[in-house]
Amino acid sequence: MPSVVTMSSKNQIVVPSEARQKLHLNAGSQLLVLCKENRIVLIPKPYDFAERLRGLHQDVWRTVNPEEYLNSERESWS
């Protein structure tokens, strides 16, 4: 269930305890703030972006030969 937060006079909000617990956030945790069309999205900042992305969409690329793919991309440049 969504939580409602109120912005203080110093433009601060408190992340609800349920969200902090589920995302393992503590004092000093950093959040990325993304501004979308009509909303703000808060995402915990990964400690290591490369580690966070490792293996992402590996099933999509499983059947692709990397050398053939690179060669076809390079050929399309000219």
PDB file of N, CA and C in Angstrom:
ATOM      1  N   MET A   1       0.840  -1.169   0.000  1.00  0.00           N
ATOM      2  CA  MET A   1       0.000   0.000   0.000  1.00  0.00           C
ATOM      3  C   MET A   1       0.890   1.239   0.000  1.00  0.00           C
ATOM      4  N   PRO A   2       0.574   2.222  -0.818  1.00  0.00           N
ATOM      5  CA  PRO A   2       1.389   3.439  -0.861  1.00  0.00           C
ATOM      6  C   PRO A   2       1.328   4.199   0.460  1.00  0.00           C
ATOM      7  N   SER A   3       2.402   4.883   0.758  1.00  0.00           N
ATOM      8  CA  SER A   3       2.459   5.740   1.930  1.00  0.00           C
ATOM      9  C   SER A   3       2.391   7.182   1.469  1.00  0.00           C
ATOM     10  N   VAL A   4       1.896   8.036   2.332  1.00  0.00           N
ATOM     11  CA  VAL A   4       1.838   9.468   2.050  1.00  0.00           C
ATOM     12  C   VAL A   4       2.850  10.154   2.956  1.00  0.00           C
ATOM     13  N   VAL A   5       3.670  11.012   2.375  1.00  0.00           N
ATOM     14  CA  VAL A   5       4.624  11.796   3.156  1.00  0.00           C
ATOM     15  C   VAL A   5       4.318  13.268   2.933  1.00  0.00           C
ATOM     16  N   THR A   6       4.713  14.087   3.896  1.00  0.00           N
ATOM     17  CA  THR A   6       4.485  15.526   3.804  1.00  0.00           C
ATOM     18  C   THR A   6       5.829  16.233   3.781  1.00  0.00           C
ATOM     19  N   MET A   7       5.977  17.165   2.872  1.00  0.00           N
ATOM     20  CA  MET A   7       7.208  17.924   2.784  1.00  0.00           C
ATOM     21  C   MET A   7       7.212  18.986   3.884  1.00  0.00           C
ATOM     22  N   SER A   8       8.346  19.094   4.591  1.00  0.00           N
ATOM     23  CA  SER A   8       8.463  20.062   5.677  1.00  0.00           C
ATOM     24  C   SER A   8       8.738  21.457   5.124  1.00  0.00           C
ATOM     25  N   SER A   9       8.787  22.427   6.012  1.00  0.00           N
ATOM     26  CA  SER A   9       9.080  23.800   5.590  1.00  0.00           C
ATOM     27  C   SER A   9      10.494  23.927   5.039  1.00  0.00           C
ATOM     28  N   LYS A  10      11.349  22.927   5.332  1.00  0.00           N
ATOM     29  CA  LYS A  10      12.714  22.908   4.791  1.00  0.00           C
ATOM     30  C   LYS A  10      12.799  22.025   3.547  1.00  0.00           C
ATOM     31  N   ASN A  11      11.645  21.699   2.974  1.00  0.00           N
ATOM     32  CA  ASN A  11      11.559  20.859   1.767  1.00  0.00           C
ATOM     33  C   ASN A  11      12.123  19.462   1.989  1.00  0.00           C
ATOM     34  N   GLN A  12      11.945  18.905   3.168  1.00  0.00           N
ATOM     35  CA  GLN A  12      12.434  17.571   3.495  1.00  0.00           C
ATOM     36  C   GLN A  12      11.253  16.625   3.658  1.00  0.00           C
ATOM     37  N   ILE A  13      11.509  15.336   3.370  1.00  0.00           N
ATOM     38  CA  ILE A  13      10.505  14.302   3.614  1.00  0.00           C
ATOM     39  C   ILE A  13      11.162  13.201   4.439  1.00  0.00           C
ATOM     40  N   VAL A  14      10.342  12.378   5.071  1.00  0.00           N
ATOM     41  CA  VAL A  14      10.827  11.219   5.812  1.00  0.00           C
ATOM     42  C   VAL A  14      10.412   9.982   5.031  1.00  0.00           C
ATOM     43  N   VAL A  15      11.371   9.109   4.750  1.00  0.00           N
ATOM     44  CA  VAL A  15      11.055   7.852   4.063  1.00  0.00           C
ATOM     45  C   VAL A  15      10.374   6.949   5.094  1.00  0.00           C
ATOM     46  N   PRO A  16       9.178   6.458   4.806  1.00  0.00           N
ATOM     47  CA  PRO A  16       8.456   5.634   5.772  1.00  0.00           C
ATOM     48  C   PRO A  16       9.256   4.414   6.219  1.00  0.00           C
ATOM     49  N   SER A  17       9.059   4.022   7.468  1.00  0.00           N
ATOM     50  CA  SER A  17       9.843   2.918   8.047  1.00  0.00           C
ATOM     51  C   SER A  17       9.674   1.626   7.263  1.00  0.00           C
ATOM     52  N   GLU A  18       8.476   1.343   6.750  1.00  0.00           N
ATOM     53  CA  GLU A  18       8.266   0.118   5.973  1.00  0.00           C
ATOM     54  C   GLU A  18       9.181   0.095   4.747  1.00  0.00           C
ATOM     55  N   ALA A  19       9.295   1.232   4.055  1.00  0.00           N
ATOM     56  CA  ALA A  19      10.166   1.317   2.881  1.00  0.00           C
ATOM     57  C   ALA A  19      11.626   1.187   3.287  1.00  0.00           C
ATOM     58  N   ARG A  20      12.015   1.829   4.380  1.00  0.00           N
ATOM     59  CA  ARG A  20      13.413   1.737   4.849  1.00  0.00           C
ATOM     60  C   ARG A  20      13.773   0.297   5.185  1.00  0.00           C
ATOM     61  N   GLN A  21      12.860  -0.407   5.832  1.00  0.00           N
ATOM     62  CA  GLN A  21      13.135  -1.797   6.209  1.00  0.00           C
ATOM     63  C   GLN A  21      13.227  -2.695   4.982  1.00  0.00           C
ATOM     64  N   LYS A  22      12.279  -2.556   4.053  1.00  0.00           N
ATOM     65  CA  LYS A  22      12.278  -3.423   2.860  1.00  0.00           C
ATOM     66  C   LYS A  22      13.503  -3.200   1.989  1.00  0.00           C
ATOM     67  N   LEU A  23      13.981  -1.945   1.938  1.00  0.00           N
ATOM     68  CA  LEU A  23      15.123  -1.618   1.077  1.00  0.00           C
ATOM     69  C   LEU A  23      16.442  -1.561   1.837  1.00  0.00           C
ATOM     70  N   HIS A  24      16.403  -1.901   3.124  1.00  0.00           N
ATOM     71  CA  HIS A  24      17.611  -1.917   3.971  1.00  0.00           C
ATOM     72  C   HIS A  24      18.306  -0.558   3.969  1.00  0.00           C
ATOM     73  N   LEU A  25      17.529   0.506   4.168  1.00  0.00           N
ATOM     74  CA  LEU A  25      18.077   1.856   4.211  1.00  0.00           C
ATOM     75  C   LEU A  25      18.342   2.255   5.651  1.00  0.00           C
ATOM     76  N   ASN A  26      19.454   2.937   5.861  1.00  0.00           N
ATOM     77  CA  ASN A  26      19.826   3.424   7.179  1.00  0.00           C
ATOM     78  C   ASN A  26      20.210   4.886   7.057  1.00  0.00           C
ATOM     79  N   ALA A  27      20.474   5.506   8.205  1.00  0.00           N
ATOM     80  CA  ALA A  27      20.962   6.879   8.186  1.00  0.00           C
ATOM     81  C   ALA A  27      22.231   6.918   7.332  1.00  0.00           C
ATOM     82  N   GLY A  28      22.308   7.861   6.436  1.00  0.00           N
ATOM     83  CA  GLY A  28      23.462   7.984   5.550  1.00  0.00           C
ATOM     84  C   GLY A  28      23.298   7.275   4.220  1.00  0.00           C
ATOM     85  N   SER A  29      22.261   6.438   4.073  1.00  0.00           N
ATOM     86  CA  SER A  29      22.011   5.786   2.781  1.00  0.00           C
ATOM     87  C   SER A  29      21.731   6.864   1.742  1.00  0.00           C
ATOM     88  N   GLN A  30      22.224   6.651   0.539  1.00  0.00           N
ATOM     89  CA  GLN A  30      22.008   7.616  -0.532  1.00  0.00           C
ATOM     90  C   GLN A  30      20.916   7.112  -1.462  1.00  0.00           C
ATOM     91  N   LEU A  31      20.094   8.058  -1.938  1.00  0.00           N
ATOM     92  CA  LEU A  31      19.023   7.751  -2.873  1.00  0.00           C
ATOM     93  C   LEU A  31      19.221   8.547  -4.144  1.00  0.00           C
ATOM     94  N   LEU A  32      18.943   7.926  -5.280  1.00  0.00           N
ATOM     95  CA  LEU A  32      18.929   8.643  -6.546  1.00  0.00           C
ATOM     96  C   LEU A  32      17.543   9.244  -6.713  1.00  0.00           C
ATOM     97  N   VAL A  33      17.467  10.490  -7.144  1.00  0.00           N
ATOM     98  CA  VAL A  33      16.190  11.178  -7.342  1.00  0.00           C
ATOM     99  C   VAL A  33      15.983  11.345  -8.843  1.00  0.00           C
ATOM    100  N   LEU A  34      14.951  10.687  -9.360  1.00  0.00           N
ATOM    101  CA  LEU A  34      14.640  10.770 -10.780  1.00  0.00           C
ATOM    102  C   LEU A  34      13.363  11.585 -10.948  1.00  0.00           C
ATOM    103  N   CYS A  35      13.402  12.592 -11.798  1.00  0.00           N
ATOM    104  CA  CYS A  35      12.223  13.413 -12.079  1.00  0.00           C
ATOM    105  C   CYS A  35      11.606  12.921 -13.377  1.00  0.00           C
ATOM    106  N   LYS A  36      10.430  12.382 -13.287  1.00  0.00           N
ATOM    107  CA  LYS A  36       9.679  11.930 -14.454  1.00  0.00           C
ATOM    108  C   LYS A  36       8.627  12.980 -14.758  1.00  0.00           C
ATOM    109  N   GLU A  37       7.800  12.744 -15.761  1.00  0.00           N
ATOM    110  CA  GLU A  37       6.827  13.739 -16.217  1.00  0.00           C
ATOM    111  C   GLU A  37       6.091  14.429 -15.074  1.00  0.00           C
ATOM    112  N   ASN A  38       5.386  13.658 -14.271  1.00  0.00           N
ATOM    113  CA  ASN A  38       4.608  14.269 -13.198  1.00  0.00           C
ATOM    114  C   ASN A  38       4.820  13.550 -11.869  1.00  0.00           C
ATOM    115  N   ARG A  39       6.023  13.012 -11.688  1.00  0.00           N
ATOM    116  CA  ARG A  39       6.307  12.278 -10.457  1.00  0.00           C
ATOM    117  C   ARG A  39       7.794  12.307 -10.137  1.00  0.00           C
ATOM    118  N   ILE A  40       8.098  11.983  -8.906  1.00  0.00           N
ATOM    119  CA  ILE A  40       9.480  11.866  -8.436  1.00  0.00           C
ATOM    120  C   ILE A  40       9.682  10.413  -8.037  1.00  0.00           C
ATOM    121  N   VAL A  41      10.785   9.825  -8.452  1.00  0.00           N
ATOM    122  CA  VAL A  41      11.096   8.442  -8.124  1.00  0.00           C
ATOM    123  C   VAL A  41      12.377   8.431  -7.310  1.00  0.00           C
ATOM    124  N   LEU A  42      12.345   7.779  -6.151  1.00  0.00           N
ATOM    125  CA  LEU A  42      13.527   7.631  -5.308  1.00  0.00           C
ATOM    126  C   LEU A  42      14.011   6.192  -5.412  1.00  0.00           C
ATOM    127  N   ILE A  43      15.296   6.015  -5.712  1.00  0.00           N
ATOM    128  CA  ILE A  43      15.878   4.684  -5.866  1.00  0.00           C
ATOM    129  C   ILE A  43      17.152   4.631  -5.029  1.00  0.00           C
ATOM    130  N   PRO A  44      17.336   3.568  -4.236  1.00  0.00           N
ATOM    131  CA  PRO A  44      18.595   3.457  -3.490  1.00  0.00           C
ATOM    132  C   PRO A  44      19.772   3.447  -4.458  1.00  0.00           C
ATOM    133  N   LYS A  45      20.781   4.250  -4.155  1.00  0.00           N
ATOM    134  CA  LYS A  45      21.972   4.320  -4.999  1.00  0.00           C
ATOM    135  C   LYS A  45      22.784   3.046  -4.800  1.00  0.00           C
ATOM    136  N   PRO A  46      23.057   2.325  -5.889  1.00  0.00           N
ATOM    137  CA  PRO A  46      23.872   1.109  -5.749  1.00  0.00           C
ATOM    138  C   PRO A  46      25.289   1.454  -5.305  1.00  0.00           C
ATOM    139  N   TYR A  47      25.882   0.576  -4.515  1.00  0.00           N
ATOM    140  CA  TYR A  47      27.264   0.788  -4.104  1.00  0.00           C
ATOM    141  C   TYR A  47      28.198   0.625  -5.291  1.00  0.00           C
ATOM    142  N   ASP A  48      27.835  -0.281  -6.199  1.00  0.00           N
ATOM    143  CA  ASP A  48      28.662  -0.565  -7.366  1.00  0.00           C
ATOM    144  C   ASP A  48      27.724  -0.746  -8.565  1.00  0.00           C
ATOM    145  N   PHE A  49      27.698   0.237  -9.449  1.00  0.00           N
ATOM    146  CA  PHE A  49      26.786   0.193 -10.594  1.00  0.00           C
ATOM    147  C   PHE A  49      27.084  -1.000 -11.500  1.00  0.00           C
ATOM    148  N   ALA A  50      28.354  -1.294 -11.721  1.00  0.00           N
ATOM    149  CA  ALA A  50      28.703  -2.414 -12.603  1.00  0.00           C
ATOM    150  C   ALA A  50      28.196  -3.727 -12.023  1.00  0.00           C
ATOM    151  N   GLU A  51      28.356  -3.919 -10.725  1.00  0.00           N
ATOM    152  CA  GLU A  51      27.877  -5.139 -10.082  1.00  0.00           C
ATOM    153  C   GLU A  51      26.349  -5.226 -10.155  1.00  0.00           C
ATOM    154  N   ARG A  52      25.700  -4.106 -10.000  1.00  0.00           N
ATOM    155  CA  ARG A  52      24.234  -4.057 -10.042  1.00  0.00           C
ATOM    156  C   ARG A  52      23.702  -4.445 -11.425  1.00  0.00           C
ATOM    157  N   LEU A  53      24.421  -4.084 -12.484  1.00  0.00           N
ATOM    158  CA  LEU A  53      23.970  -4.353 -13.844  1.00  0.00           C
ATOM    159  C   LEU A  53      24.456  -5.694 -14.383  1.00  0.00           C
ATOM    160  N   ARG A  54      25.401  -6.313 -13.685  1.00  0.00           N
ATOM    161  CA  ARG A  54      25.968  -7.576 -14.174  1.00  0.00           C
ATOM    162  C   ARG A  54      24.886  -8.627 -14.357  1.00  0.00           C
ATOM    163  N   GLY A  55      24.852  -9.235 -15.513  1.00  0.00           N
ATOM    164  CA  GLY A  55      23.906 -10.298 -15.803  1.00  0.00           C
ATOM    165  C   GLY A  55      22.528  -9.826 -16.227  1.00  0.00           C
ATOM    166  N   LEU A  56      22.317  -8.515 -16.268  1.00  0.00           N
ATOM    167  CA  LEU A  56      21.021  -7.991 -16.641  1.00  0.00           C
ATOM    168  C   LEU A  56      20.705  -8.348 -18.092  1.00  0.00           C
ATOM    169  N   HIS A  57      19.580  -8.920 -18.343  1.00  0.00           N
ATOM    170  CA  HIS A  57      19.094  -9.305 -19.675  1.00  0.00           C
ATOM    171  C   HIS A  57      19.990 -10.347 -20.349  1.00  0.00           C
ATOM    172  N   GLN A  58      20.649 -11.159 -19.547  1.00  0.00           N
ATOM    173  CA  GLN A  58      21.527 -12.164 -20.154  1.00  0.00           C
ATOM    174  C   GLN A  58      20.751 -13.157 -21.013  1.00  0.00           C
ATOM    175  N   ASP A  59      19.493 -13.389 -20.680  1.00  0.00           N
ATOM    176  CA  ASP A  59      18.707 -14.318 -21.490  1.00  0.00           C
ATOM    177  C   ASP A  59      18.443 -13.773 -22.888  1.00  0.00           C
ATOM    178  N   VAL A  60      18.394 -12.455 -23.052  1.00  0.00           N
ATOM    179  CA  VAL A  60      18.170 -11.844 -24.360  1.00  0.00           C
ATOM    180  C   VAL A  60      19.375 -12.064 -25.263  1.00  0.00           C
ATOM    181  N   TRP A  61      20.571 -12.011 -24.679  1.00  0.00           N
ATOM    182  CA  TRP A  61      21.800 -12.073 -25.462  1.00  0.00           C
ATOM    183  C   TRP A  61      22.390 -13.487 -25.555  1.00  0.00           C
ATOM    184  N   ARG A  62      21.757 -14.452 -24.935  1.00  0.00           N
ATOM    185  CA  ARG A  62      22.302 -15.808 -24.870  1.00  0.00           C
ATOM    186  C   ARG A  62      22.543 -16.418 -26.255  1.00  0.00           C
ATOM    187  N   THR A  63      21.662 -16.135 -27.204  1.00  0.00           N
ATOM    188  CA  THR A  63      21.767 -16.755 -28.531  1.00  0.00           C
ATOM    189  C   THR A  63      22.532 -15.888 -29.531  1.00  0.00           C
ATOM    190  N   VAL A  64      23.080 -14.774 -29.095  1.00  0.00           N
ATOM    191  CA  VAL A  64      23.762 -13.848 -30.002  1.00  0.00           C
ATOM    192  C   VAL A  64      25.273 -14.087 -29.928  1.00  0.00           C
ATOM    193  N   ASN A  65      25.883 -14.204 -31.100  1.00  0.00           N
ATOM    194  CA  ASN A  65      27.340 -14.299 -31.177  1.00  0.00           C
ATOM    195  C   ASN A  65      27.890 -12.870 -31.115  1.00  0.00           C
ATOM    196  N   PRO A  66      28.668 -12.526 -30.087  1.00  0.00           N
ATOM    197  CA  PRO A  66      29.115 -11.147 -29.924  1.00  0.00           C
ATOM    198  C   PRO A  66      29.928 -10.612 -31.098  1.00  0.00           C
ATOM    199  N   GLU A  67      30.794 -11.438 -31.672  1.00  0.00           N
ATOM    200  CA  GLU A  67      31.622 -10.967 -32.788  1.00  0.00           C
ATOM    201  C   GLU A  67      30.778 -10.689 -34.021  1.00  0.00           C
ATOM    202  N   GLU A  68      29.829 -11.554 -34.306  1.00  0.00           N
ATOM    203  CA  GLU A  68      28.942 -11.325 -35.455  1.00  0.00           C
ATOM    204  C   GLU A  68      28.106 -10.065 -35.238  1.00  0.00           C
ATOM    205  N   TYR A  69      27.614  -9.893 -34.029  1.00  0.00           N
ATOM    206  CA  TYR A  69      26.809  -8.711 -33.721  1.00  0.00           C
ATOM    207  C   TYR A  69      27.626  -7.431 -33.907  1.00  0.00           C
ATOM    208  N   LEU A  70      28.847  -7.404 -33.354  1.00  0.00           N
ATOM    209  CA  LEU A  70      29.706  -6.225 -33.493  1.00  0.00           C
ATOM    210  C   LEU A  70      30.033  -5.934 -34.954  1.00  0.00           C
ATOM    211  N   ASN A  71      30.351  -6.982 -35.690  1.00  0.00           N
ATOM    212  CA  ASN A  71      30.676  -6.791 -37.106  1.00  0.00           C
ATOM    213  C   ASN A  71      29.489  -6.231 -37.883  1.00  0.00           C
ATOM    214  N   SER A  72      28.283  -6.745 -37.609  1.00  0.00           N
ATOM    215  CA  SER A  72      27.111  -6.237 -38.326  1.00  0.00           C
ATOM    216  C   SER A  72      26.827  -4.789 -37.938  1.00  0.00           C
ATOM    217  N   GLU A  73      27.025  -4.437 -36.688  1.00  0.00           N
ATOM    218  CA  GLU A  73      26.841  -3.041 -36.270  1.00  0.00           C
ATOM    219  C   GLU A  73      27.862  -2.125 -36.937  1.00  0.00           C
ATOM    220  N   ARG A  74      29.100  -2.547 -36.966  1.00  0.00           N
ATOM    221  CA  ARG A  74      30.149  -1.737 -37.589  1.00  0.00           C
ATOM    222  C   ARG A  74      29.901  -1.554 -39.089  1.00  0.00           C
ATOM    223  N   GLU A  75      29.417  -2.607 -39.737  1.00  0.00           N
ATOM    224  CA  GLU A  75      29.116  -2.505 -41.169  1.00  0.00           C
ATOM    225  C   GLU A  75      27.973  -1.518 -41.428  1.00  0.00           C
ATOM    226  N   SER A  76      27.046  -1.416 -40.500  1.00  0.00           N
ATOM    227  CA  SER A  76      25.917  -0.504 -40.700  1.00  0.00           C
ATOM    228  C   SER A  76      26.315   0.957 -40.564  1.00  0.00           C
ATOM    229  N   TRP A  77      27.483   1.236 -40.034  1.00  0.00           N
ATOM    230  CA  TRP A  77      27.956   2.612 -39.866  1.00  0.00           C
ATOM    231  C   TRP A  77      28.351   3.252 -41.195  1.00  0.00           C
ATOM    232  N   SER A  78      28.730   2.435 -42.145  1.00  0.00           N
ATOM    233  CA  SER A  78      29.200   3.021 -43.411  1.00  0.00           C
ATOM    234  C   SER A  78      28.159   2.995 -44.487  1.00  0.00           C
TER     235      SER A  78
END
